[in-house]
């Protein structure tokens, strides 16, 4: 979201932003890593270009290096079958992936707490859809990060501010929920509102309604 707000003119910087955006859209993580790798490639390429090496030769070398890197990654990769333990192994792998994504975040120190929560949230989605928009985050000021919780359902951020809310139950088991598309809260009349009546007998009825 921050990258979308940047008005970048420099061609090299603009290319780095595009790389980070592509990484975020394709994988959802690793934007910092790809930016650092791209910066190092540009730094090393600059030396060859200053020595008079043709850009096409430099590009060929980068493409060959990318091919070798992919082959090396495939040699090092481990799948679910390597971990074993069936569904438990899949769960363990997903938590490791979530923990890796949290390494570069401010809450990296609590990844053992948030990684399982992230996996639980994704597993609660429809496996045929996996619509990430169905996972919402409600930010509440105060408390500790470990006060965070996963609500397996629908959560509304609503403040108790009406008279007598202290006596209202804060937890209700198996409630009946009514969904309305109209407001139940009474709205006061606009300031300097004017009411005209032809019959004085109607005055009291207006006062009672108010």
Protein backbone atom coordinates (compact mmCIF):
# COMPACT_ATOMS: atom_id res chain seq x y z
CA UNK A 1 0.00 0.00 0.00
CA UNK A 2 2.87 2.37 0.76
CA UNK A 3 4.48 1.72 -2.62
CA UNK A 4 1.28 2.79 -4.39
CA UNK A 5 1.53 6.21 -2.72
CA UNK A 6 5.10 6.88 -3.88
CA UNK A 7 5.60 9.13 -6.89
CA UNK A 8 8.91 7.76 -8.18
CA UNK A 9 10.65 9.28 -11.22
CA UNK A 10 14.10 7.62 -11.21
CA UNK A 11 14.04 4.67 -13.68
CA UNK A 12 16.08 2.31 -11.47
CA UNK A 13 14.02 3.10 -8.37
CA UNK A 14 10.83 2.67 -10.36
CA UNK A 15 12.03 -0.76 -11.53
CA UNK A 16 12.66 -1.78 -7.91
CA UNK A 17 9.16 -0.71 -6.91
CA UNK A 18 7.68 -2.72 -9.79
CA UNK A 19 9.70 -5.76 -8.67
CA UNK A 20 8.39 -5.43 -5.11
CA UNK A 21 4.80 -5.04 -6.36
CA UNK A 22 5.11 -8.14 -8.56
CA UNK A 23 6.50 -10.16 -5.67
CA UNK A 24 3.70 -9.03 -3.38
CA UNK A 25 1.02 -9.83 -5.97
CA UNK A 26 2.49 -13.24 -6.84
CA UNK A 27 3.64 -14.50 -3.44
CA UNK A 28 2.45 -12.04 -0.82
CA UNK A 29 5.82 -11.95 0.94
CA UNK A 30 9.53 -11.43 0.23
CA UNK A 31 9.33 -7.87 -1.09
CA UNK A 32 12.37 -6.81 0.95
CA UNK A 33 14.41 -9.82 -0.21
CA UNK A 34 13.75 -9.32 -3.93
CA UNK A 35 14.51 -5.60 -3.62
CA UNK A 36 17.87 -6.28 -1.94
CA UNK A 37 18.77 -8.95 -4.52
CA UNK A 38 17.83 -6.62 -7.38
CA UNK A 39 19.91 -3.80 -5.86
CA UNK A 40 22.94 -6.07 -5.59
CA UNK A 41 22.49 -7.23 -9.21
CA UNK A 42 22.35 -3.59 -10.37
CA UNK A 43 25.43 -2.79 -8.30
CA UNK A 44 27.43 -5.65 -9.78
CA UNK A 45 26.18 -4.94 -13.31
CA UNK A 46 27.26 -1.32 -13.11
CA UNK A 47 30.91 -2.35 -12.82
CA UNK A 48 30.75 -4.46 -15.99
CA UNK A 49 28.93 -1.73 -17.92
CA UNK A 50 31.55 0.83 -16.90
CA UNK A 51 34.24 -1.56 -18.20
CA UNK A 52 32.54 -1.57 -21.60
CA UNK A 53 30.80 -4.96 -21.44
CA UNK A 54 27.75 -5.04 -23.73
CA UNK A 55 24.41 -4.99 -21.83
CA UNK A 56 23.26 -8.11 -23.73
CA UNK A 57 26.20 -10.07 -22.34
CA UNK A 58 25.39 -8.85 -18.83
CA UNK A 59 21.75 -9.89 -19.28
CA UNK A 60 22.78 -13.33 -20.49
CA UNK A 61 24.91 -13.77 -17.38
CA UNK A 62 22.03 -12.72 -15.11
CA UNK A 63 19.64 -15.15 -16.83
CA UNK A 64 22.15 -17.99 -16.49
CA UNK A 65 22.63 -17.14 -12.81
CA UNK A 66 18.84 -17.18 -12.31
CA UNK A 67 18.63 -20.62 -13.92
CA UNK A 68 21.37 -21.98 -11.68
CA UNK A 69 19.72 -20.43 -8.60
CA UNK A 70 16.38 -22.09 -9.41
CA UNK A 71 18.09 -25.46 -9.85
CA UNK A 72 19.81 -25.06 -6.49
CA UNK A 73 16.54 -24.15 -4.78
CA UNK A 74 14.89 -27.26 -6.23
CA UNK A 75 17.73 -29.35 -4.79
CA UNK A 76 17.20 -27.85 -1.33
CA UNK A 77 13.41 -27.87 -1.34
CA UNK A 78 11.47 -30.11 1.05
CA UNK A 79 7.88 -31.14 0.58
CA UNK A 80 5.21 -32.40 2.91
CA UNK A 81 6.21 -35.99 2.24
CA UNK A 82 9.69 -35.25 3.59
CA UNK A 83 8.23 -34.09 6.90
CA UNK A 84 5.84 -37.03 7.15
CA UNK A 85 3.19 -37.47 9.83
CA UNK A 86 0.30 -36.98 7.37
CA UNK A 87 -2.03 -34.07 8.13
CA UNK A 88 0.09 -33.13 11.12
CA UNK A 89 3.06 -32.69 8.77
CA UNK A 90 1.03 -30.41 6.50
CA UNK A 91 0.02 -28.33 9.50
CA UNK A 92 3.63 -28.09 10.67
CA UNK A 93 4.79 -27.00 7.22
CA UNK A 94 2.10 -24.30 6.99
CA UNK A 95 3.06 -22.94 10.41
CA UNK A 96 6.72 -22.79 9.34
CA UNK A 97 5.77 -20.91 6.18
CA UNK A 98 3.67 -18.45 8.21
CA UNK A 99 6.51 -18.01 10.70
CA UNK A 100 8.96 -17.28 7.89
CA UNK A 101 6.64 -14.58 6.54
CA UNK A 102 6.50 -13.00 10.01
CA UNK A 103 10.30 -12.80 10.38
CA UNK A 104 10.44 -9.37 8.73
CA UNK A 105 7.44 -7.95 10.64
CA UNK A 106 7.33 -6.02 13.92
CA UNK A 107 5.66 -8.99 15.62
CA UNK A 108 8.41 -11.42 14.63
CA UNK A 109 9.13 -12.02 18.32
CA UNK A 110 5.63 -13.48 18.68
CA UNK A 111 5.59 -15.62 15.54
CA UNK A 112 5.08 -18.78 17.58
CA UNK A 113 1.83 -17.19 18.77
CA UNK A 114 0.61 -15.71 15.48
CA UNK A 115 1.74 -18.39 13.01
CA UNK A 116 -0.77 -21.03 14.23
CA UNK A 117 -3.45 -18.33 14.33
CA UNK A 118 -2.77 -17.45 10.68
CA UNK A 119 -3.00 -21.10 9.67
CA UNK A 120 -6.26 -21.52 11.59
CA UNK A 121 -7.71 -18.47 9.82
CA UNK A 122 -6.84 -19.81 6.36
CA UNK A 123 -8.07 -23.32 7.16
CA UNK A 124 -11.45 -21.86 8.15
CA UNK A 125 -12.00 -20.64 4.57
CA UNK A 126 -13.77 -22.57 1.85
CA UNK A 127 -11.03 -24.78 0.32
CA UNK A 128 -12.56 -24.29 -3.12
CA UNK A 129 -12.43 -20.52 -2.87
CA UNK A 130 -9.82 -19.36 -0.31
CA UNK A 131 -10.99 -15.75 -0.62
CA UNK A 132 -8.62 -13.72 1.54
CA UNK A 133 -11.20 -10.93 1.76
CA UNK A 134 -13.20 -13.22 4.03
CA UNK A 135 -10.48 -12.84 6.69
CA UNK A 136 -10.81 -9.51 8.46
CA UNK A 137 -8.59 -7.80 11.04
CA UNK A 138 -10.08 -5.61 13.75
CA UNK A 139 -7.63 -3.26 15.46
CA UNK A 140 -8.37 -2.48 19.11
CA UNK A 141 -6.30 0.07 21.02
CA UNK A 142 -4.73 -1.07 24.28
CA UNK A 143 -3.73 -4.42 25.68
CA UNK A 144 -0.90 -6.71 24.62
CA UNK A 145 -0.28 -8.35 21.26
CA UNK A 146 -0.89 -11.68 22.96
CA UNK A 147 -4.45 -10.53 23.68
CA UNK A 148 -5.13 -11.04 19.99
CA UNK A 149 -7.55 -13.83 19.17
CA UNK A 150 -9.12 -15.57 16.21
CA UNK A 151 -12.90 -15.39 16.06
CA UNK A 152 -14.27 -18.32 14.09
CA UNK A 153 -17.28 -16.43 12.80
CA UNK A 154 -18.24 -12.78 12.35
CA UNK A 155 -16.85 -10.04 14.62
CA UNK A 156 -18.13 -6.49 14.95
CA UNK A 157 -16.22 -3.68 16.58
CA UNK A 158 -18.95 -2.02 18.63
CA UNK A 159 -18.43 0.13 21.70
CA UNK A 160 -20.84 -0.12 24.64
CA UNK A 161 -21.85 3.51 25.17
CA UNK A 162 -25.57 3.47 25.95
CA UNK A 163 -27.14 4.06 29.36
CA UNK A 164 -27.11 0.99 31.56
CA UNK A 165 -24.52 -0.91 29.52
CA UNK A 166 -22.77 -1.97 32.73
CA UNK A 167 -25.64 -4.34 33.49
CA UNK A 168 -25.79 -5.69 29.94
CA UNK A 169 -24.42 -9.21 29.52
CA UNK A 170 -21.08 -9.18 27.72
CA UNK A 171 -21.24 -12.82 26.67
CA UNK A 172 -24.31 -14.66 25.38
CA UNK A 173 -24.29 -18.34 24.48
CA UNK A 174 -26.26 -19.45 21.38
CA UNK A 175 -27.94 -16.07 20.78
CA UNK A 176 -30.62 -15.32 18.23
CA UNK A 177 -29.31 -12.71 15.79
CA UNK A 178 -31.58 -10.32 13.86
CA UNK A 179 -30.12 -8.61 10.79
CA UNK A 180 -31.68 -5.27 9.84
CA UNK A 181 -30.93 -2.78 7.11
CA UNK A 182 -32.44 0.10 9.11
CA UNK A 183 -31.15 1.99 12.13
CA UNK A 184 -32.76 1.38 15.52
CA UNK A 185 -31.13 4.42 17.09
CA UNK A 186 -33.35 7.46 17.49
CA UNK A 187 -32.10 10.59 15.81
CA UNK A 188 -32.75 14.02 17.25
CA UNK A 189 -34.47 16.64 15.18
CA UNK A 190 -32.39 19.17 13.34
CA UNK A 191 -31.66 22.43 15.09
CA UNK A 192 -34.17 25.22 14.54
CA UNK A 193 -36.77 22.74 13.32
CA UNK A 194 -40.20 24.27 12.80
CA UNK A 195 -43.55 22.52 13.27
CA UNK A 196 -46.80 24.18 12.19
CA UNK A 197 -50.22 23.06 13.40
CA UNK A 198 -53.73 24.24 12.57
CA UNK A 199 -55.40 22.77 15.65
CA UNK A 200 -54.10 23.76 19.12
CA UNK A 201 -55.32 20.41 20.42
CA UNK A 202 -52.55 18.71 18.46
CA UNK A 203 -49.84 20.53 20.40
CA UNK A 204 -49.78 18.04 23.26
CA UNK A 205 -49.54 15.07 20.85
CA UNK A 206 -46.48 16.67 19.25
CA UNK A 207 -44.87 17.20 22.65
CA UNK A 208 -45.54 13.57 23.58
CA UNK A 209 -44.02 12.34 20.32
CA UNK A 210 -40.94 14.44 20.90
